[in-house]
Amino acid sequence: MPRVKILRNLDELPIIKGFRPIWLKANVRQAVIMKLEEYEAIRLIDYEKQNHEQAATAMNVSRPTVTRIYENARLQIATALVEGRSLLIEGGDVIVHKSHWYCEKCSHQFVEDSAQDVKTLLCPQCQSSDLKSLNDCFLGGCRRCRRCR
């Protein structure tokens, strides 16, 4: 029987949901899905220039696990580029420590640290209550909001 996966730490969500080839329409069924932990490994190792030990500590996993996640992430990127497929970033075994929100009215994104009631939460820019949880969007892959379509 396999062990229970340790949830990886994720400080921030990606600023984008994915990429697609410029001459093609987005085809969700043929898209390459990159998990959030794969995105985090690419961000820590390639973008922030951390070594695998530092990335493992930041993600709360072992060094061999970070290496495996990183190799899978590079394979996902290569597949999307070579085959001309869309790349979506969603899902995975992660813990997001802050609540990220997206206003459907003004397209403003913001982070809420406190455990404020969702029903009373308003956009800090336009005071709209038409908010979508980016945590749910990235973890579950909603594909229903304006950001995901």
C-alpha atoms as a PDB file:
ATOM      1  CA  MET A   1       0.000   0.000   0.000  1.00  0.00           C
ATOM      2  CA  PRO A   2       1.483   3.402  -0.992  1.00  0.00           C
ATOM      3  CA  ARG A   3       2.263   6.065   1.552  1.00  0.00           C
ATOM      4  CA  VAL A   4       0.100   9.135   1.940  1.00  0.00           C
ATOM      5  CA  LYS A   5       1.594  12.045  -0.031  1.00  0.00           C
ATOM      6  CA  ILE A   6       2.957  14.920   1.989  1.00  0.00           C
ATOM      7  CA  LEU A   7       1.301  18.141   0.843  1.00  0.00           C
ATOM      8  CA  ARG A   8       3.770  20.558  -0.692  1.00  0.00           C
ATOM      9  CA  ASN A   9       3.985  24.149   0.575  1.00  0.00           C
ATOM     10  CA  LEU A  10       3.019  26.842  -1.906  1.00  0.00           C
ATOM     11  CA  ASP A  11       3.481  30.473  -0.920  1.00  0.00           C
ATOM     12  CA  GLU A  12       1.944  32.172  -3.945  1.00  0.00           C
ATOM     13  CA  LEU A  13      -0.272  31.087  -6.808  1.00  0.00           C
ATOM     14  CA  PRO A  14       0.917  31.640 -10.383  1.00  0.00           C
ATOM     15  CA  ILE A  15      -0.101  34.973 -11.916  1.00  0.00           C
ATOM     16  CA  ILE A  16      -1.390  33.178 -15.022  1.00  0.00           C
ATOM     17  CA  LYS A  17      -3.509  30.076 -15.565  1.00  0.00           C
ATOM     18  CA  GLY A  18      -1.506  28.834 -18.547  1.00  0.00           C
ATOM     19  CA  PHE A  19      -0.294  29.425 -22.081  1.00  0.00           C
ATOM     20  CA  ARG A  20      -1.472  28.500 -25.548  1.00  0.00           C
ATOM     21  CA  PRO A  21       0.036  28.671 -29.032  1.00  0.00           C
ATOM     22  CA  ILE A  22      -0.829  32.027 -30.602  1.00  0.00           C
ATOM     23  CA  TRP A  23      -2.313  30.633 -33.810  1.00  0.00           C
ATOM     24  CA  LEU A  24      -4.589  28.074 -32.131  1.00  0.00           C
ATOM     25  CA  LYS A  25      -7.748  28.308 -30.069  1.00  0.00           C
ATOM     26  CA  ALA A  26      -7.485  26.989 -26.538  1.00  0.00           C
ATOM     27  CA  ASN A  27      -8.307  23.280 -26.520  1.00  0.00           C
ATOM     28  CA  VAL A  28      -8.726  22.184 -22.908  1.00  0.00           C
ATOM     29  CA  ARG A  29      -9.051  18.501 -23.793  1.00  0.00           C
ATOM     30  CA  GLN A  30      -5.629  18.369 -25.447  1.00  0.00           C
ATOM     31  CA  ALA A  31      -3.897  20.702 -23.015  1.00  0.00           C
ATOM     32  CA  VAL A  32      -0.852  19.632 -21.043  1.00  0.00           C
ATOM     33  CA  ILE A  33      -1.679  19.936 -17.342  1.00  0.00           C
ATOM     34  CA  MET A  34       1.153  21.127 -15.108  1.00  0.00           C
ATOM     35  CA  LYS A  35       0.476  20.599 -11.410  1.00  0.00           C
ATOM     36  CA  LEU A  36       1.010  23.432  -8.957  1.00  0.00           C
ATOM     37  CA  GLU A  37       3.914  21.628  -7.265  1.00  0.00           C
ATOM     38  CA  GLU A  38       5.616  21.302 -10.670  1.00  0.00           C
ATOM     39  CA  TYR A  39       5.158  25.021 -11.259  1.00  0.00           C
ATOM     40  CA  GLU A  40       6.594  25.737  -7.800  1.00  0.00           C
ATOM     41  CA  ALA A  41       9.653  23.556  -8.494  1.00  0.00           C
ATOM     42  CA  ILE A  42      10.310  25.418 -11.770  1.00  0.00           C
ATOM     43  CA  ARG A  43       9.831  28.765 -10.003  1.00  0.00           C
ATOM     44  CA  LEU A  44      12.178  27.938  -7.128  1.00  0.00           C
ATOM     45  CA  ILE A  45      14.927  26.179  -9.114  1.00  0.00           C
ATOM     46  CA  ASP A  46      14.970  28.040 -12.433  1.00  0.00           C
ATOM     47  CA  TYR A  47      13.545  31.466 -11.596  1.00  0.00           C
ATOM     48  CA  GLU A  48      14.836  32.011  -8.046  1.00  0.00           C
ATOM     49  CA  LYS A  49      18.069  30.038  -8.727  1.00  0.00           C
ATOM     50  CA  GLN A  50      17.749  27.860  -5.625  1.00  0.00           C
ATOM     51  CA  ASN A  51      19.440  24.498  -5.501  1.00  0.00           C
ATOM     52  CA  HIS A  52      17.392  21.351  -5.019  1.00  0.00           C
ATOM     53  CA  GLU A  53      18.086  21.246  -1.260  1.00  0.00           C
ATOM     54  CA  GLN A  54      16.740  24.770  -0.752  1.00  0.00           C
ATOM     55  CA  ALA A  55      13.708  24.076  -2.938  1.00  0.00           C
ATOM     56  CA  ALA A  56      13.006  20.873  -0.992  1.00  0.00           C
ATOM     57  CA  THR A  57      13.053  22.790   2.277  1.00  0.00           C
ATOM     58  CA  ALA A  58      10.751  25.493   0.900  1.00  0.00           C
ATOM     59  CA  MET A  59       8.276  22.903  -0.421  1.00  0.00           C
ATOM     60  CA  ASN A  60       8.469  20.687   2.702  1.00  0.00           C
ATOM     61  CA  VAL A  61       9.551  17.536   0.799  1.00  0.00           C
ATOM     62  CA  SER A  62      12.756  15.551   0.336  1.00  0.00           C
ATOM     63  CA  ARG A  63      15.433  16.437  -2.207  1.00  0.00           C
ATOM     64  CA  PRO A  64      14.775  13.371  -4.406  1.00  0.00           C
ATOM     65  CA  THR A  65      11.072  14.282  -4.478  1.00  0.00           C
ATOM     66  CA  VAL A  66      11.883  17.825  -5.653  1.00  0.00           C
ATOM     67  CA  THR A  67      14.133  16.386  -8.364  1.00  0.00           C
ATOM     68  CA  ARG A  68      11.352  14.083  -9.564  1.00  0.00           C
ATOM     69  CA  ILE A  69       8.783  16.908  -9.526  1.00  0.00           C
ATOM     70  CA  TYR A  70      11.220  19.192 -11.394  1.00  0.00           C
ATOM     71  CA  GLU A  71      11.887  16.593 -14.096  1.00  0.00           C
ATOM     72  CA  ASN A  72       8.139  16.070 -14.589  1.00  0.00           C
ATOM     73  CA  ALA A  73       7.642  19.841 -14.891  1.00  0.00           C
ATOM     74  CA  ARG A  74      10.334  20.126 -17.566  1.00  0.00           C
ATOM     75  CA  LEU A  75       8.726  17.243 -19.457  1.00  0.00           C
ATOM     76  CA  GLN A  76       5.333  19.009 -19.347  1.00  0.00           C
ATOM     77  CA  ILE A  77       6.844  22.227 -20.734  1.00  0.00           C
ATOM     78  CA  ALA A  78       8.737  20.368 -23.465  1.00  0.00           C
ATOM     79  CA  THR A  79       5.614  18.445 -24.495  1.00  0.00           C
ATOM     80  CA  ALA A  80       3.574  21.639 -24.778  1.00  0.00           C
ATOM     81  CA  LEU A  81       6.255  23.412 -26.825  1.00  0.00           C
ATOM     82  CA  VAL A  82       7.145  20.569 -29.186  1.00  0.00           C
ATOM     83  CA  GLU A  83       3.575  19.361 -29.809  1.00  0.00           C
ATOM     84  CA  GLY A  84       2.076  22.882 -29.958  1.00  0.00           C
ATOM     85  CA  ARG A  85      -0.398  22.218 -27.157  1.00  0.00           C
ATOM     86  CA  SER A  86      -1.823  24.540 -24.504  1.00  0.00           C
ATOM     87  CA  LEU A  87      -0.280  24.437 -21.041  1.00  0.00           C
ATOM     88  CA  LEU A  88      -2.608  24.708 -18.032  1.00  0.00           C
ATOM     89  CA  ILE A  89      -1.401  25.097 -14.451  1.00  0.00           C
ATOM     90  CA  GLU A  90      -3.797  23.526 -11.968  1.00  0.00           C
ATOM     91  CA  GLY A  91      -4.281  20.772  -9.427  1.00  0.00           C
ATOM     92  CA  GLY A  92      -1.747  18.919  -7.351  1.00  0.00           C
ATOM     93  CA  ASP A  93      -1.026  18.015  -3.764  1.00  0.00           C
ATOM     94  CA  VAL A  94      -0.331  21.447  -2.277  1.00  0.00           C
ATOM     95  CA  ILE A  95      -1.212  23.670   0.645  1.00  0.00           C
ATOM     96  CA  VAL A  96      -1.765  27.346  -0.215  1.00  0.00           C
ATOM     97  CA  HIS A  97      -1.284  29.431   2.922  1.00  0.00           C
ATOM     98  CA  LYS A  98      -3.187  32.563   1.821  1.00  0.00           C
ATOM     99  CA  SER A  99      -6.575  33.172   0.197  1.00  0.00           C
ATOM    100  CA  HIS A 100      -6.233  34.560  -3.324  1.00  0.00           C
ATOM    101  CA  TRP A 101      -9.236  36.296  -4.930  1.00  0.00           C
ATOM    102  CA  TYR A 102     -10.218  37.571  -8.392  1.00  0.00           C
ATOM    103  CA  CYS A 103     -12.873  40.242  -8.970  1.00  0.00           C
ATOM    104  CA  GLU A 104     -15.062  39.385 -11.971  1.00  0.00           C
ATOM    105  CA  LYS A 105     -16.157  43.023 -12.294  1.00  0.00           C
ATOM    106  CA  CYS A 106     -12.804  44.873 -12.467  1.00  0.00           C
ATOM    107  CA  SER A 107     -10.356  41.932 -12.948  1.00  0.00           C
ATOM    108  CA  HIS A 108      -8.423  42.927  -9.818  1.00  0.00           C
ATOM    109  CA  GLN A 109      -6.516  40.201  -7.976  1.00  0.00           C
ATOM    110  CA  PHE A 110      -5.776  40.395  -4.268  1.00  0.00           C
ATOM    111  CA  VAL A 111      -4.638  38.284  -1.328  1.00  0.00           C
ATOM    112  CA  GLU A 112      -6.556  38.076   1.938  1.00  0.00           C
ATOM    113  CA  ASP A 113      -4.529  36.870   4.918  1.00  0.00           C
ATOM    114  CA  SER A 114      -7.259  36.964   7.524  1.00  0.00           C
ATOM    115  CA  ALA A 115     -10.004  34.390   7.925  1.00  0.00           C
ATOM    116  CA  GLN A 116     -12.704  36.897   6.921  1.00  0.00           C
ATOM    117  CA  ASP A 117     -16.157  35.581   6.056  1.00  0.00           C
ATOM    118  CA  VAL A 118     -16.464  35.083   2.286  1.00  0.00           C
ATOM    119  CA  LYS A 119     -19.969  36.592   2.236  1.00  0.00           C
ATOM    120  CA  THR A 120     -18.709  39.927   3.598  1.00  0.00           C
ATOM    121  CA  LEU A 121     -15.545  40.048   1.486  1.00  0.00           C
ATOM    122  CA  LEU A 122     -15.419  42.920  -1.038  1.00  0.00           C
ATOM    123  CA  CYS A 123     -12.974  43.855  -3.765  1.00  0.00           C
ATOM    124  CA  PRO A 124     -10.604  46.521  -2.379  1.00  0.00           C
ATOM    125  CA  GLN A 125     -10.550  48.340  -5.729  1.00  0.00           C
ATOM    126  CA  CYS A 126     -14.234  48.520  -6.797  1.00  0.00           C
ATOM    127  CA  GLN A 127     -16.072  47.234  -3.680  1.00  0.00           C
ATOM    128  CA  SER A 128     -17.809  44.514  -5.718  1.00  0.00           C
ATOM    129  CA  SER A 129     -18.860  41.243  -4.104  1.00  0.00           C
ATOM    130  CA  ASP A 130     -18.562  39.306  -7.401  1.00  0.00           C
ATOM    131  CA  LEU A 131     -15.400  37.467  -6.342  1.00  0.00           C
ATOM    132  CA  LYS A 132     -13.958  34.105  -7.364  1.00  0.00           C
ATOM    133  CA  SER A 133     -11.555  32.124  -5.229  1.00  0.00           C
ATOM    134  CA  LEU A 134      -8.332  31.597  -7.156  1.00  0.00           C
ATOM    135  CA  ASN A 135      -7.396  28.874  -4.661  1.00  0.00           C
ATOM    136  CA  ASP A 136     -10.413  26.844  -5.792  1.00  0.00           C
ATOM    137  CA  CYS A 137      -9.744  27.747  -9.434  1.00  0.00           C
ATOM    138  CA  PHE A 138      -6.126  26.571  -9.386  1.00  0.00           C
ATOM    139  CA  LEU A 139      -6.612  23.557  -7.141  1.00  0.00           C
ATOM    140  CA  GLY A 140      -9.794  22.248  -8.759  1.00  0.00           C
ATOM    141  CA  GLY A 141      -9.487  23.635 -12.276  1.00  0.00           C
ATOM    142  CA  CYS A 142     -12.839  25.390 -12.503  1.00  0.00           C
ATOM    143  CA  ARG A 143     -12.794  26.415 -16.225  1.00  0.00           C
ATOM    144  CA  ARG A 144     -15.997  28.384 -15.556  1.00  0.00           C
ATOM    145  CA  CYS A 145     -14.798  31.853 -14.606  1.00  0.00           C
ATOM    146  CA  ARG A 146     -13.677  34.523 -17.078  1.00  0.00           C
ATOM    147  CA  ARG A 147     -10.046  33.879 -16.095  1.00  0.00           C
ATOM    148  CA  CYS A 148     -10.167  30.179 -17.058  1.00  0.00           C
ATOM    149  CA  ARG A 149     -12.089  30.397 -20.326  1.00  0.00           C
END
